[in-house]
Amino acid sequence: MNKFLKPFYYLYQAVFAMPVFFLITVYTAFFTLFTTKWKNSDFVHRTQQFWAKSYLKLAFLPVTVEGTEKLDMKQSYVFVSNHQSTTDVFLIYGWLPSVFKWIMKQELRKVPFIGFGCAAAGHIFIERQNKRHALESIGNAEQVLHDGVCVVVFPEGTRSTNGQVGRFKRGAFHIAQELQLPIVPISLSGCYETVPKGKLFVRWHPVKMYIGDPIDSTKYPKEQMDELIALTREKVIEHIEKL
């Protein structure tokens, strides 16, 4: 973006985009709360997608998505993605066509409106430092993975501080192996440049989501989990681009 336009872009975010997105967030949170009975339905998911898409559209970020044709809407998957910034959440939530639940860190439950909205939607909170609670959360994830409902996991556990892909933790792969579900690698590009960790305002930059080919987890017994993790991480990194 032109240096002359940057101050106006940030001013626009402060006086218009952020207040509007806050109102959309409040509406979506209460809508989700009152429709919790149908939390796995397509129409509720579409409303939540509208919330996510509005974030990127209000920021005028160009979005490219590839690979949706590889997905079977009747199949449950474990989606595994790199994690560059908060923009990742909105990009995946807005443009991934499958109905899914996030596996998210417990701290997000405390975020106003987003916390109780996510709980009402059936997203799964995990306390990473508490092993017993983490195992319970994995059990909760396994309960929702049927009839085309999926889960999305950031196996790095936290946002990248430099844009590079970190080490993958085992939780998502344990779920996939236990339930014999395909793992789908997702590669996000450009998100790190939009909101680096610790920044508030969005920086204009194109973003892209690439959905990879499903990986058959049944070909990898538990003793080969490290091999499955390495392959998935390799597939994620392979399609990250410099936009």
Protein backbone atom coordinates (compact mmCIF):
# COMPACT_ATOMS: atom_id res chain seq x y z
CA MET A 1 0.00 0.00 0.00
CA ASN A 2 1.15 3.52 -0.79
CA LYS A 3 2.78 5.19 2.26
CA PHE A 4 0.55 8.22 1.79
CA LEU A 5 -2.57 6.05 2.15
CA LYS A 6 -1.48 4.10 5.24
CA PRO A 7 -2.53 6.71 7.87
CA PHE A 8 -5.97 6.96 6.24
CA TYR A 9 -6.25 3.17 6.13
CA TYR A 10 -5.53 2.92 9.86
CA LEU A 11 -7.91 5.81 10.59
CA TYR A 12 -10.64 4.05 8.58
CA GLN A 13 -10.10 0.92 10.66
CA ALA A 14 -10.33 2.84 13.94
CA VAL A 15 -13.42 4.92 13.20
CA PHE A 16 -15.41 2.61 10.92
CA ALA A 17 -14.18 -0.95 10.31
CA MET A 18 -13.54 -1.90 13.94
CA PRO A 19 -16.85 -0.51 15.30
CA VAL A 20 -18.80 -2.19 12.49
CA PHE A 21 -17.00 -5.49 13.03
CA PHE A 22 -17.70 -5.22 16.77
CA LEU A 23 -21.43 -4.91 16.07
CA ILE A 24 -21.30 -7.89 13.71
CA THR A 25 -19.47 -9.85 16.41
CA VAL A 26 -22.14 -9.05 19.01
CA TYR A 27 -24.93 -10.05 16.61
CA THR A 28 -23.18 -13.29 15.62
CA ALA A 29 -22.48 -14.22 19.25
CA PHE A 30 -26.13 -13.82 20.29
CA PHE A 31 -27.39 -15.51 17.10
CA THR A 32 -25.12 -18.48 17.85
CA LEU A 33 -26.28 -18.55 21.48
CA PHE A 34 -29.96 -18.73 20.49
CA THR A 35 -29.38 -21.32 17.76
CA THR A 36 -27.15 -23.65 19.77
CA LYS A 37 -29.69 -26.47 19.25
CA TRP A 38 -28.76 -26.39 15.55
CA LYS A 39 -25.05 -25.64 16.06
CA ASN A 40 -23.93 -28.23 13.48
CA SER A 41 -26.35 -27.05 10.81
CA ASP A 42 -25.28 -25.44 7.58
CA PHE A 43 -27.36 -22.28 8.06
CA VAL A 44 -25.76 -21.51 11.44
CA HIS A 45 -22.31 -22.14 9.97
CA ARG A 46 -23.06 -19.75 7.09
CA THR A 47 -23.90 -16.98 9.56
CA GLN A 48 -20.62 -17.56 11.35
CA GLN A 49 -18.87 -17.49 7.98
CA PHE A 50 -20.44 -14.10 7.28
CA TRP A 51 -18.87 -12.85 10.54
CA ALA A 52 -15.44 -14.07 9.47
CA LYS A 53 -15.70 -12.82 5.90
CA SER A 54 -16.77 -9.37 7.09
CA TYR A 55 -13.41 -8.97 8.88
CA LEU A 56 -11.38 -9.40 5.71
CA LYS A 57 -13.84 -7.53 3.51
CA LEU A 58 -13.90 -4.53 5.87
CA ALA A 59 -10.10 -4.50 5.67
CA PHE A 60 -10.19 -4.78 1.84
CA LEU A 61 -7.83 -7.76 1.90
CA PRO A 62 -7.73 -9.69 -1.42
CA VAL A 63 -8.53 -13.38 -0.79
CA THR A 64 -7.57 -16.37 -2.94
CA VAL A 65 -8.75 -19.91 -2.16
CA GLU A 66 -7.68 -23.11 -3.93
CA GLY A 67 -8.53 -26.75 -3.38
CA THR A 68 -12.14 -26.72 -2.14
CA GLU A 69 -13.07 -29.19 -4.90
CA LYS A 70 -11.01 -31.86 -3.07
CA LEU A 71 -13.44 -31.97 -0.16
CA ASP A 72 -16.41 -34.29 0.28
CA MET A 73 -19.04 -32.43 2.33
CA LYS A 74 -20.31 -35.72 3.79
CA GLN A 75 -16.85 -36.71 5.06
CA SER A 76 -15.44 -35.65 8.41
CA TYR A 77 -11.84 -34.43 8.30
CA VAL A 78 -9.13 -33.24 10.64
CA PHE A 79 -7.88 -30.00 9.09
CA VAL A 80 -4.33 -29.02 10.01
CA SER A 81 -3.04 -25.52 9.24
CA ASN A 82 -0.02 -23.31 9.78
CA HIS A 83 -0.66 -20.36 12.11
CA GLN A 84 0.71 -16.97 11.08
CA SER A 85 -1.64 -14.42 12.65
CA THR A 86 -5.20 -13.74 13.83
CA THR A 87 -6.13 -13.35 10.15
CA ASP A 88 -5.79 -17.15 9.83
CA VAL A 89 -8.97 -17.66 11.85
CA PHE A 90 -11.06 -15.38 9.68
CA LEU A 91 -9.67 -16.77 6.43
CA ILE A 92 -10.34 -20.40 7.36
CA TYR A 93 -13.68 -19.70 9.05
CA GLY A 94 -14.91 -17.60 6.15
CA TRP A 95 -13.82 -19.70 3.18
CA LEU A 96 -13.51 -23.33 4.31
CA PRO A 97 -16.80 -24.86 3.08
CA SER A 98 -17.04 -27.73 5.58
CA VAL A 99 -18.96 -27.40 8.85
CA PHE A 100 -16.28 -27.63 11.52
CA LYS A 101 -15.30 -26.96 15.12
CA TRP A 102 -12.13 -25.23 16.21
CA ILE A 103 -9.83 -26.71 18.80
CA MET A 104 -8.75 -23.50 20.50
CA LYS A 105 -6.77 -22.43 23.53
CA GLN A 106 -8.67 -21.95 26.80
CA GLU A 107 -7.66 -18.27 27.06
CA LEU A 108 -10.02 -17.37 24.19
CA ARG A 109 -13.02 -18.28 26.34
CA LYS A 110 -12.40 -15.01 28.23
CA VAL A 111 -12.67 -12.78 25.13
CA PRO A 112 -15.93 -10.76 25.30
CA PHE A 113 -18.69 -12.12 23.02
CA ILE A 114 -16.27 -14.31 21.09
CA GLY A 115 -15.76 -16.57 24.12
CA PHE A 116 -19.39 -17.39 24.84
CA GLY A 117 -20.22 -17.40 21.12
CA CYS A 118 -17.57 -20.06 20.47
CA ALA A 119 -18.78 -22.10 23.44
CA ALA A 120 -22.37 -21.95 22.15
CA ALA A 121 -21.18 -23.01 18.68
CA GLY A 122 -19.60 -26.13 20.14
CA HIS A 123 -15.99 -25.20 19.55
CA ILE A 124 -13.58 -27.09 21.77
CA PHE A 125 -11.38 -25.31 24.29
CA ILE A 126 -8.14 -26.92 25.37
CA GLU A 127 -5.97 -26.09 28.37
CA ARG A 128 -2.57 -26.84 26.95
CA GLN A 129 -0.71 -26.89 30.28
CA ASN A 130 -3.15 -29.35 31.87
CA LYS A 131 -2.59 -32.81 30.39
CA ARG A 132 -5.78 -34.31 31.84
CA HIS A 133 -7.91 -31.44 30.51
CA ALA A 134 -6.15 -31.67 27.13
CA LEU A 135 -7.06 -35.37 26.88
CA GLU A 136 -10.68 -34.56 27.79
CA SER A 137 -10.75 -31.94 25.02
CA ILE A 138 -9.48 -34.48 22.52
CA GLY A 139 -12.29 -36.78 23.66
CA ASN A 140 -14.80 -33.97 23.07
CA ALA A 141 -13.43 -33.46 19.57
CA GLU A 142 -13.86 -37.14 18.80
CA GLN A 143 -17.54 -36.93 19.79
CA VAL A 144 -18.39 -34.29 17.15
CA LEU A 145 -16.44 -35.82 14.28
CA HIS A 146 -19.21 -37.56 12.35
CA ASP A 147 -21.70 -36.88 9.54
CA GLY A 148 -19.40 -34.43 7.81
CA VAL A 149 -18.59 -32.29 10.88
CA CYS A 150 -14.84 -31.63 11.01
CA VAL A 151 -12.27 -30.06 13.33
CA VAL A 152 -9.61 -27.48 12.55
CA VAL A 153 -6.35 -27.47 14.49
CA PHE A 154 -3.29 -25.21 14.53
CA PRO A 155 -0.76 -27.91 15.56
CA GLU A 156 1.96 -25.34 16.24
CA GLY A 157 -0.13 -24.30 19.26
CA THR A 158 0.43 -20.58 18.85
CA ARG A 159 1.03 -17.92 16.21
CA SER A 160 4.41 -17.76 14.53
CA THR A 161 6.65 -14.92 15.67
CA ASN A 162 8.58 -14.81 12.40
CA GLY A 163 6.27 -16.29 9.77
CA GLN A 164 8.06 -19.65 9.77
CA VAL A 165 6.25 -22.93 10.47
CA GLY A 166 7.06 -24.31 13.91
CA ARG A 167 7.03 -27.83 15.33
CA PHE A 168 3.70 -29.69 15.09
CA LYS A 169 2.20 -31.13 18.27
CA ARG A 170 0.55 -34.54 18.30
CA GLY A 171 -3.06 -33.85 19.37
CA ALA A 172 -4.65 -33.51 15.91
CA PHE A 173 -2.88 -36.62 14.66
CA HIS A 174 -3.98 -38.61 17.69
CA ILE A 175 -7.61 -37.71 16.87
CA ALA A 176 -7.19 -38.67 13.20
CA GLN A 177 -5.62 -42.01 14.02
CA GLU A 178 -8.12 -42.87 16.75
CA LEU A 179 -11.10 -42.23 14.46
CA GLN A 180 -9.36 -43.25 11.21
CA LEU A 181 -10.15 -39.92 9.60
CA PRO A 182 -8.32 -38.22 6.73
CA ILE A 183 -6.02 -35.32 7.58
CA VAL A 184 -6.25 -32.32 5.25
CA PRO A 185 -3.27 -29.93 5.23
CA ILE A 186 -4.10 -26.24 4.85
CA SER A 187 -1.43 -23.77 3.74
CA LEU A 188 -1.99 -20.10 4.57
CA SER A 189 0.04 -17.41 2.82
CA GLY A 190 0.24 -13.67 3.42
CA CYS A 191 -1.50 -13.71 6.80
CA TYR A 192 1.66 -13.00 8.76
CA GLU A 193 2.12 -9.74 6.90
CA THR A 194 -1.43 -8.56 7.74
CA VAL A 195 -1.31 -8.76 11.53
CA PRO A 196 2.07 -9.81 12.97
CA LYS A 197 1.90 -11.04 16.55
CA GLY A 198 1.46 -8.12 18.96
CA LYS A 199 -0.01 -5.71 16.38
CA LEU A 200 -3.56 -4.33 16.48
CA PHE A 201 -4.23 -2.72 13.11
CA VAL A 202 -4.47 -4.72 9.90
CA ARG A 203 -1.82 -4.11 7.29
CA TRP A 204 -3.05 -4.41 3.70
CA HIS A 205 -1.73 -7.55 2.03
CA PRO A 206 -3.17 -10.31 -0.17
CA VAL A 207 -3.93 -13.60 1.61
CA LYS A 208 -4.36 -17.11 0.29
CA MET A 209 -5.66 -20.46 1.57
CA TYR A 210 -4.57 -23.62 -0.20
CA ILE A 211 -6.41 -26.85 0.72
CA GLY A 212 -4.20 -29.86 0.11
CA ASP A 213 -5.04 -33.44 -0.79
CA PRO A 214 -6.46 -35.51 2.09
CA ILE A 215 -3.91 -37.78 3.75
CA ASP A 216 -5.11 -41.28 4.68
CA SER A 217 -4.23 -41.61 8.37
CA THR A 218 -5.10 -45.34 8.35
CA LYS A 219 -1.85 -46.00 6.47
CA TYR A 220 0.09 -44.83 9.51
CA PRO A 221 -0.21 -46.95 12.69
CA LYS A 222 0.38 -45.27 16.05
CA GLU A 223 4.04 -46.20 16.08
CA GLN A 224 4.42 -44.23 12.83
CA MET A 225 2.76 -41.05 14.09
CA ASP A 226 5.98 -39.06 13.79
CA GLU A 227 6.13 -39.99 10.10
CA LEU A 228 2.53 -38.83 9.62
CA ILE A 229 3.27 -35.54 11.39
CA ALA A 230 6.38 -34.95 9.29
CA LEU A 231 4.50 -35.65 6.03
CA THR A 232 1.62 -33.31 6.96
CA ARG A 233 3.99 -30.50 7.98
CA GLU A 234 5.89 -30.96 4.72
CA LYS A 235 2.63 -30.67 2.72
CA VAL A 236 1.63 -27.52 4.60
CA ILE A 237 4.99 -25.85 3.99
CA GLU A 238 5.07 -26.95 0.33
CA HIS A 239 2.17 -24.68 -0.63
CA ILE A 240 2.97 -21.58 1.42
CA GLU A 241 3.70 -18.79 -1.04
CA LYS A 242 5.36 -15.40 -0.98
CA LEU A 243 2.50 -13.14 -2.07
